[in-house]
Amino acid sequence: TIVSVLHDAAAAAEDAAAEQADLAEVVATSTR
């Protein structure tokens, strides 16, 4: 469900943020 999609988006955003990515890249990564 949407919860699964949201969970994976959040996990990807956390990984990107941990690598010091800027906001646009964090959003792009979570969207992918």
Full PDB file with SEQRES, HELIX, SHEET, SSBOND, CRYST1, ORIGX, SCALE, CONECT and MASTER records, all heavy atoms in Angstrom:
SEQRES   1 A   32  THR ILE VAL SER VAL LEU HIS ASP ALA ALA ALA ALA ALA          
SEQRES   2 A   32  GLU ASP ALA ALA ALA GLU GLN ALA ASP LEU ALA GLU VAL          
SEQRES   3 A   32  VAL ALA THR SER THR ARG                                      
HELIX    1 AA1 ILE A    2  ALA A   18  1                                  17    
HELIX    2 AA2 LEU A   23  THR A   31  1                                   9    
CRYST1    1.000    1.000    1.000  90.00  90.00  90.00 P 1           1          
ORIGX1      1.000000  0.000000  0.000000        0.00000                         
ORIGX2      0.000000  1.000000  0.000000        0.00000                         
ORIGX3      0.000000  0.000000  1.000000        0.00000                         
SCALE1      1.000000  0.000000  0.000000        0.00000                         
SCALE2      0.000000  1.000000  0.000000        0.00000                         
SCALE3      0.000000  0.000000  1.000000        0.00000                         
ATOM      1  N   THR A   1       0.847  -1.197   0.000  1.00  0.00           N  
ATOM      2  CA  THR A   1       0.000   0.000   0.000  1.00  0.00           C  
ATOM      3  C   THR A   1       0.880   1.244   0.000  1.00  0.00           C  
ATOM      4  O   THR A   1       2.105   1.169  -0.080  1.00  0.00           O  
ATOM      5  CB  THR A   1      -0.916   0.025   1.231  1.00  0.00           C  
ATOM      6  OG1 THR A   1      -0.096   0.119   2.411  1.00  0.00           O  
ATOM      7  CG2 THR A   1      -1.761  -1.237   1.308  1.00  0.00           C  
ATOM      8  N   ILE A   2       0.254   2.402   0.144  1.00  0.00           N  
ATOM      9  CA  ILE A   2       0.983   3.663   0.197  1.00  0.00           C  
ATOM     10  C   ILE A   2       2.011   3.661   1.326  1.00  0.00           C  
ATOM     11  O   ILE A   2       3.051   4.315   1.231  1.00  0.00           O  
ATOM     12  CB  ILE A   2       0.002   4.850   0.360  1.00  0.00           C  
ATOM     13  CG1 ILE A   2       0.740   6.197   0.285  1.00  0.00           C  
ATOM     14  CG2 ILE A   2      -0.798   4.722   1.629  1.00  0.00           C  
ATOM     15  CD1 ILE A   2      -0.199   7.399   0.318  1.00  0.00           C  
ATOM     16  N   VAL A   3       1.749   2.880   2.394  1.00  0.00           N  
ATOM     17  CA  VAL A   3       2.700   2.818   3.507  1.00  0.00           C  
ATOM     18  C   VAL A   3       4.025   2.221   3.037  1.00  0.00           C  
ATOM     19  O   VAL A   3       5.099   2.701   3.419  1.00  0.00           O  
ATOM     20  CB  VAL A   3       2.126   2.003   4.676  1.00  0.00           C  
ATOM     21  CG1 VAL A   3       3.118   1.962   5.835  1.00  0.00           C  
ATOM     22  CG2 VAL A   3       0.804   2.603   5.141  1.00  0.00           C  
ATOM     23  N   SER A   4       3.969   1.197   2.199  1.00  0.00           N  
ATOM     24  CA  SER A   4       5.190   0.587   1.666  1.00  0.00           C  
ATOM     25  C   SER A   4       5.959   1.580   0.799  1.00  0.00           C  
ATOM     26  O   SER A   4       7.184   1.676   0.882  1.00  0.00           O  
ATOM     27  CB  SER A   4       4.847  -0.659   0.836  1.00  0.00           C  
ATOM     28  OG  SER A   4       4.168  -1.610   1.608  1.00  0.00           O  
ATOM     29  N   VAL A   5       5.238   2.315  -0.022  1.00  0.00           N  
ATOM     30  CA  VAL A   5       5.875   3.297  -0.897  1.00  0.00           C  
ATOM     31  C   VAL A   5       6.492   4.417  -0.070  1.00  0.00           C  
ATOM     32  O   VAL A   5       7.623   4.846  -0.309  1.00  0.00           O  
ATOM     33  CB  VAL A   5       4.847   3.861  -1.900  1.00  0.00           C  
ATOM     34  CG1 VAL A   5       5.494   4.898  -2.808  1.00  0.00           C  
ATOM     35  CG2 VAL A   5       4.241   2.730  -2.739  1.00  0.00           C  
ATOM     36  N   LEU A   6       5.767   4.877   0.938  1.00  0.00           N  
ATOM     37  CA  LEU A   6       6.275   5.934   1.812  1.00  0.00           C  
ATOM     38  C   LEU A   6       7.497   5.453   2.590  1.00  0.00           C  
ATOM     39  O   LEU A   6       8.475   6.201   2.757  1.00  0.00           O  
ATOM     40  CB  LEU A   6       5.164   6.372   2.769  1.00  0.00           C  
ATOM     41  CG  LEU A   6       5.512   7.450   3.793  1.00  0.00           C  
ATOM     42  CD1 LEU A   6       5.935   8.749   3.091  1.00  0.00           C  
ATOM     43  CD2 LEU A   6       4.318   7.714   4.716  1.00  0.00           C  
ATOM     44  N   HIS A   7       7.468   4.222   3.064  1.00  0.00           N  
ATOM     45  CA  HIS A   7       8.595   3.673   3.824  1.00  0.00           C  
ATOM     46  C   HIS A   7       9.864   3.660   2.989  1.00  0.00           C  
ATOM     47  O   HIS A   7      10.939   4.083   3.447  1.00  0.00           O  
ATOM     48  CB  HIS A   7       8.258   2.255   4.297  1.00  0.00           C  
ATOM     49  CG  HIS A   7       9.379   1.571   5.021  1.00  0.00           C  
ATOM     50  ND1 HIS A   7      10.402   0.902   4.346  1.00  0.00           N  
ATOM     51  CD2 HIS A   7       9.661   1.455   6.341  1.00  0.00           C  
ATOM     52  CE1 HIS A   7      11.256   0.412   5.223  1.00  0.00           C  
ATOM     53  NE2 HIS A   7      10.838   0.729   6.449  1.00  0.00           N  
ATOM     54  N   ASP A   8       9.774   3.186   1.746  1.00  0.00           N  
ATOM     55  CA  ASP A   8      10.964   3.120   0.888  1.00  0.00           C  
ATOM     56  C   ASP A   8      11.456   4.510   0.515  1.00  0.00           C  
ATOM     57  O   ASP A   8      12.663   4.751   0.418  1.00  0.00           O  
ATOM     58  CB  ASP A   8      10.665   2.310  -0.373  1.00  0.00           C  
ATOM     59  CG  ASP A   8      10.637   0.815  -0.104  1.00  0.00           C  
ATOM     60  OD1 ASP A   8      10.557   0.437   1.080  1.00  0.00           O  
ATOM     61  OD2 ASP A   8      10.694   0.027  -1.069  1.00  0.00           O  
ATOM     62  N   ALA A   9      10.528   5.438   0.313  1.00  0.00           N  
ATOM     63  CA  ALA A   9      10.921   6.822   0.008  1.00  0.00           C  
ATOM     64  C   ALA A   9      11.669   7.429   1.187  1.00  0.00           C  
ATOM     65  O   ALA A   9      12.681   8.123   1.012  1.00  0.00           O  
ATOM     66  CB  ALA A   9       9.690   7.654  -0.335  1.00  0.00           C  
ATOM     67  N   ALA A  10      11.180   7.163   2.399  1.00  0.00           N  
ATOM     68  CA  ALA A  10      11.833   7.702   3.594  1.00  0.00           C  
ATOM     69  C   ALA A  10      13.224   7.111   3.782  1.00  0.00           C  
ATOM     70  O   ALA A  10      14.182   7.821   4.109  1.00  0.00           O  
ATOM     71  CB  ALA A  10      10.965   7.422   4.821  1.00  0.00           C  
ATOM     72  N   ALA A  11      13.354   5.795   3.575  1.00  0.00           N  
ATOM     73  CA  ALA A  11      14.655   5.147   3.739  1.00  0.00           C  
ATOM     74  C   ALA A  11      15.676   5.697   2.746  1.00  0.00           C  
ATOM     75  O   ALA A  11      16.832   5.960   3.096  1.00  0.00           O  
ATOM     76  CB  ALA A  11      14.502   3.636   3.565  1.00  0.00           C  
ATOM     77  N   ALA A  12      15.257   5.880   1.508  1.00  0.00           N  
ATOM     78  CA  ALA A  12      16.158   6.415   0.488  1.00  0.00           C  
ATOM     79  C   ALA A  12      16.547   7.854   0.808  1.00  0.00           C  
ATOM     80  O   ALA A  12      17.701   8.262   0.610  1.00  0.00           O  
ATOM     81  CB  ALA A  12      15.497   6.341  -0.888  1.00  0.00           C  
ATOM     82  N   ALA A  13      15.586   8.638   1.300  1.00  0.00           N  
ATOM     83  CA  ALA A  13      15.883  10.027   1.661  1.00  0.00           C  
ATOM     84  C   ALA A  13      16.902  10.083   2.794  1.00  0.00           C  
ATOM     85  O   ALA A  13      17.807  10.928   2.794  1.00  0.00           O  
ATOM     86  CB  ALA A  13      14.596  10.740   2.067  1.00  0.00           C  
ATOM     87  N   GLU A  14      16.779   9.190   3.761  1.00  0.00           N  
ATOM     88  CA  GLU A  14      17.732   9.151   4.879  1.00  0.00           C  
ATOM     89  C   GLU A  14      19.137   8.829   4.392  1.00  0.00           C  
ATOM     90  O   GLU A  14      20.124   9.438   4.834  1.00  0.00           O  
ATOM     91  CB  GLU A  14      17.280   8.124   5.914  1.00  0.00           C  
ATOM     92  CG  GLU A  14      16.067   8.571   6.718  1.00  0.00           C  
ATOM     93  CD  GLU A  14      15.540   7.480   7.631  1.00  0.00           C  
ATOM     94  OE1 GLU A  14      15.692   6.290   7.298  1.00  0.00           O  
ATOM     95  OE2 GLU A  14      14.956   7.812   8.678  1.00  0.00           O  
ATOM     96  N   ASP A  15      19.237   7.865   3.469  1.00  0.00           N  
ATOM     97  CA  ASP A  15      20.556   7.503   2.935  1.00  0.00           C  
ATOM     98  C   ASP A  15      21.178   8.673   2.181  1.00  0.00           C  
ATOM     99  O   ASP A  15      22.370   8.961   2.334  1.00  0.00           O  
ATOM    100  CB  ASP A  15      20.426   6.299   2.008  1.00  0.00           C  
ATOM    101  CG  ASP A  15      20.091   5.015   2.757  1.00  0.00           C  
ATOM    102  OD1 ASP A  15      20.285   4.989   3.990  1.00  0.00           O  
ATOM    103  OD2 ASP A  15      19.621   4.063   2.107  1.00  0.00           O  
ATOM    104  N   ALA A  16      20.362   9.366   1.367  1.00  0.00           N  
ATOM    105  CA  ALA A  16      20.888  10.492   0.595  1.00  0.00           C  
ATOM    106  C   ALA A  16      21.305  11.636   1.511  1.00  0.00           C  
ATOM    107  O   ALA A  16      22.342  12.280   1.303  1.00  0.00           O  
ATOM    108  CB  ALA A  16      19.834  10.973  -0.404  1.00  0.00           C  
ATOM    109  N   ALA A  17      20.497  11.895   2.544  1.00  0.00           N  
ATOM    110  CA  ALA A  17      20.824  12.972   3.477  1.00  0.00           C  
ATOM    111  C   ALA A  17      22.104  12.659   4.247  1.00  0.00           C  
ATOM    112  O   ALA A  17      22.911  13.552   4.531  1.00  0.00           O  
ATOM    113  CB  ALA A  17      19.664  13.193   4.448  1.00  0.00           C  
ATOM    114  N   ALA A  18      22.291  11.379   4.558  1.00  0.00           N  
ATOM    115  CA  ALA A  18      23.498  10.977   5.287  1.00  0.00           C  
ATOM    116  C   ALA A  18      24.755  11.194   4.454  1.00  0.00           C  
ATOM    117  O   ALA A  18      25.852  11.380   4.996  1.00  0.00           O  
ATOM    118  CB  ALA A  18      23.393   9.515   5.694  1.00  0.00           C  
ATOM    119  N   GLU A  19      24.622  11.186   3.154  1.00  0.00           N  
ATOM    120  CA  GLU A  19      25.757  11.414   2.253  1.00  0.00           C  
ATOM    121  C   GLU A  19      25.906  12.888   1.893  1.00  0.00           C  
ATOM    122  O   GLU A  19      26.577  13.250   0.926  1.00  0.00           O  
ATOM    123  CB  GLU A  19      25.575  10.584   0.985  1.00  0.00           C  
ATOM    124  CG  GLU A  19      25.603   9.080   1.252  1.00  0.00           C  
ATOM    125  CD  GLU A  19      25.332   8.267  -0.012  1.00  0.00           C  
ATOM    126  OE1 GLU A  19      25.137   8.891  -1.085  1.00  0.00           O  
ATOM    127  OE2 GLU A  19      25.320   7.027   0.080  1.00  0.00           O  
ATOM    128  N   GLN A  20      25.238  13.752   2.655  1.00  0.00           N  
ATOM    129  CA  GLN A  20      25.340  15.206   2.490  1.00  0.00           C  
ATOM    130  C   GLN A  20      24.761  15.716   1.175  1.00  0.00           C  
ATOM    131  O   GLN A  20      25.182  16.758   0.654  1.00  0.00           O  
ATOM    132  CB  GLN A  20      26.815  15.665   2.613  1.00  0.00           C  
ATOM    133  CG  GLN A  20      27.518  15.198   3.873  1.00  0.00           C  
ATOM    134  CD  GLN A  20      26.833  15.725   5.139  1.00  0.00           C  
ATOM    135  OE1 GLN A  20      26.499  16.901   5.213  1.00  0.00           O  
ATOM    136  NE2 GLN A  20      26.614  14.848   6.113  1.00  0.00           N  
ATOM    137  N   ALA A  21      23.819  14.994   0.598  1.00  0.00           N  
ATOM    138  CA  ALA A  21      23.178  15.455  -0.637  1.00  0.00           C  
ATOM    139  C   ALA A  21      22.309  16.674  -0.330  1.00  0.00           C  
ATOM    140  O   ALA A  21      21.794  16.833   0.787  1.00  0.00           O  
ATOM    141  CB  ALA A  21      22.323  14.350  -1.242  1.00  0.00           C  
ATOM    142  N   ASP A  22      22.150  17.550  -1.332  1.00  0.00           N  
ATOM    143  CA  ASP A  22      21.286  18.709  -1.114  1.00  0.00           C  
ATOM    144  C   ASP A  22      19.820  18.290  -1.206  1.00  0.00           C  
ATOM    145  O   ASP A  22      19.501  17.144  -1.542  1.00  0.00           O  
ATOM    146  CB  ASP A  22      21.610  19.828  -2.102  1.00  0.00           C  
ATOM    147  CG  ASP A  22      21.377  19.440  -3.555  1.00  0.00           C  
ATOM    148  OD1 ASP A  22      20.687  18.428  -3.814  1.00  0.00           O  
ATOM    149  OD2 ASP A  22      21.872  20.143  -4.441  1.00  0.00           O  
ATOM    150  N   LEU A  23      18.929  19.221  -0.893  1.00  0.00           N  
ATOM    151  CA  LEU A  23      17.510  18.882  -0.816  1.00  0.00           C  
ATOM    152  C   LEU A  23      16.983  18.325  -2.133  1.00  0.00           C  
ATOM    153  O   LEU A  23      16.248  17.328  -2.144  1.00  0.00           O  
ATOM    154  CB  LEU A  23      16.698  20.125  -0.422  1.00  0.00           C  
ATOM    155  CG  LEU A  23      15.179  19.947  -0.432  1.00  0.00           C  
ATOM    156  CD1 LEU A  23      14.736  18.896   0.571  1.00  0.00           C  
ATOM    157  CD2 LEU A  23      14.476  21.279  -0.150  1.00  0.00           C  
ATOM    158  N   ALA A  24      17.330  18.952  -3.256  1.00  0.00           N  
ATOM    159  CA  ALA A  24      16.823  18.499  -4.556  1.00  0.00           C  
ATOM    160  C   ALA A  24      17.220  17.055  -4.818  1.00  0.00           C  
ATOM    161  O   ALA A  24      16.412  16.252  -5.318  1.00  0.00           O  
ATOM    162  CB  ALA A  24      17.339  19.403  -5.675  1.00  0.00           C  
ATOM    163  N   GLU A  25      18.439  16.680  -4.467  1.00  0.00           N  
ATOM    164  CA  GLU A  25      18.893  15.310  -4.692  1.00  0.00           C  
ATOM    165  C   GLU A  25      18.234  14.350  -3.706  1.00  0.00           C  
ATOM    166  O   GLU A  25      17.922  13.206  -4.056  1.00  0.00           O  
ATOM    167  CB  GLU A  25      20.418  15.229  -4.583  1.00  0.00           C  
ATOM    168  CG  GLU A  25      20.985  13.847  -4.865  1.00  0.00           C  
ATOM    169  CD  GLU A  25      20.553  13.284  -6.222  1.00  0.00           C  
ATOM    170  OE1 GLU A  25      20.408  14.076  -7.190  1.00  0.00           O  
ATOM    171  OE2 GLU A  25      20.351  12.058  -6.321  1.00  0.00           O  
ATOM    172  N   VAL A  26      18.035  14.801  -2.471  1.00  0.00           N  
ATOM    173  CA  VAL A  26      17.334  13.953  -1.497  1.00  0.00           C  
ATOM    174  C   VAL A  26      15.927  13.651  -1.995  1.00  0.00           C  
ATOM    175  O   VAL A  26      15.458  12.499  -1.944  1.00  0.00           O  
ATOM    176  CB  VAL A  26      17.282  14.643  -0.118  1.00  0.00           C  
ATOM    177  CG1 VAL A  26      16.354  13.877   0.832  1.00  0.00           C  
ATOM    178  CG2 VAL A  26      18.678  14.731   0.486  1.00  0.00           C  
ATOM    179  N   VAL A  27      15.236  14.673  -2.489  1.00  0.00           N  
ATOM    180  CA  VAL A  27      13.880  14.477  -3.004  1.00  0.00           C  
ATOM    181  C   VAL A  27      13.908  13.577  -4.240  1.00  0.00           C  
ATOM    182  O   VAL A  27      13.074  12.666  -4.373  1.00  0.00           O  
ATOM    183  CB  VAL A  27      13.224  15.834  -3.339  1.00  0.00           C  
ATOM    184  CG1 VAL A  27      11.889  15.627  -4.062  1.00  0.00           C  
ATOM    185  CG2 VAL A  27      13.019  16.646  -2.076  1.00  0.00           C  
ATOM    186  N   ALA A  28      14.858  13.804  -5.131  1.00  0.00           N  
ATOM    187  CA  ALA A  28      14.961  12.978  -6.337  1.00  0.00           C  
ATOM    188  C   ALA A  28      15.212  11.519  -5.978  1.00  0.00           C  
ATOM    189  O   ALA A  28      14.624  10.604  -6.581  1.00  0.00           O  
ATOM    190  CB  ALA A  28      16.066  13.516  -7.240  1.00  0.00           C  
ATOM    191  N   THR A  29      16.097  11.288  -5.016  1.00  0.00           N  
ATOM    192  CA  THR A  29      16.410   9.920  -4.601  1.00  0.00           C  
ATOM    193  C   THR A  29      15.183   9.243  -3.980  1.00  0.00           C  
ATOM    194  O   THR A  29      14.878   8.084  -4.282  1.00  0.00           O  
ATOM    195  CB  THR A  29      17.569   9.929  -3.588  1.00  0.00           C  
ATOM    196  OG1 THR A  29      18.719  10.529  -4.180  1.00  0.00           O  
ATOM    197  CG2 THR A  29      17.919   8.517  -3.144  1.00  0.00           C  
ATOM    198  N   SER A  30      14.491   9.961  -3.121  1.00  0.00           N  
ATOM    199  CA  SER A  30      13.295   9.386  -2.493  1.00  0.00           C  
ATOM    200  C   SER A  30      12.207   9.123  -3.533  1.00  0.00           C  
ATOM    201  O   SER A  30      11.469   8.136  -3.431  1.00  0.00           O  
ATOM    202  CB  SER A  30      12.771  10.309  -1.397  1.00  0.00           C  
ATOM    203  OG  SER A  30      12.290  11.529  -1.935  1.00  0.00           O  
ATOM    204  N   THR A  31      12.129   9.984  -4.545  1.00  0.00           N  
ATOM    205  CA  THR A  31      11.125   9.802  -5.594  1.00  0.00           C  
ATOM    206  C   THR A  31      11.425   8.560  -6.424  1.00  0.00           C  
ATOM    207  O   THR A  31      10.508   7.790  -6.768  1.00  0.00           O  
ATOM    208  CB  THR A  31      11.063  11.045  -6.493  1.00  0.00           C  
ATOM    209  OG1 THR A  31      10.761  12.192  -5.699  1.00  0.00           O  
ATOM    210  CG2 THR A  31       9.993  10.902  -7.571  1.00  0.00           C  
ATOM    211  N   ARG A  32      12.691   8.340  -6.741  1.00  0.00           N  
ATOM    212  CA  ARG A  32      13.058   7.125  -7.480  1.00  0.00           C  
ATOM    213  C   ARG A  32      12.736   5.879  -6.666  1.00  0.00           C  
ATOM    214  O   ARG A  32      12.235   4.877  -7.204  1.00  0.00           O  
ATOM    215  CB  ARG A  32      14.544   7.160  -7.846  1.00  0.00           C  
ATOM    216  CG  ARG A  32      14.900   8.179  -8.923  1.00  0.00           C  
ATOM    217  CD  ARG A  32      16.314   7.972  -9.442  1.00  0.00           C  
ATOM    218  NE  ARG A  32      17.319   8.267  -8.429  1.00  0.00           N  
ATOM    219  CZ  ARG A  32      17.877   9.461  -8.263  1.00  0.00           C  
ATOM    220  NH1 ARG A  32      17.509  10.476  -9.040  1.00  0.00           N  
ATOM    221  NH2 ARG A  32      18.796   9.654  -7.332  1.00  0.00           N  
TER     222      ARG A  32                                                      
MASTER        0    0    0    2    0    0    0    6  221    1    0    3          
END                                                                             
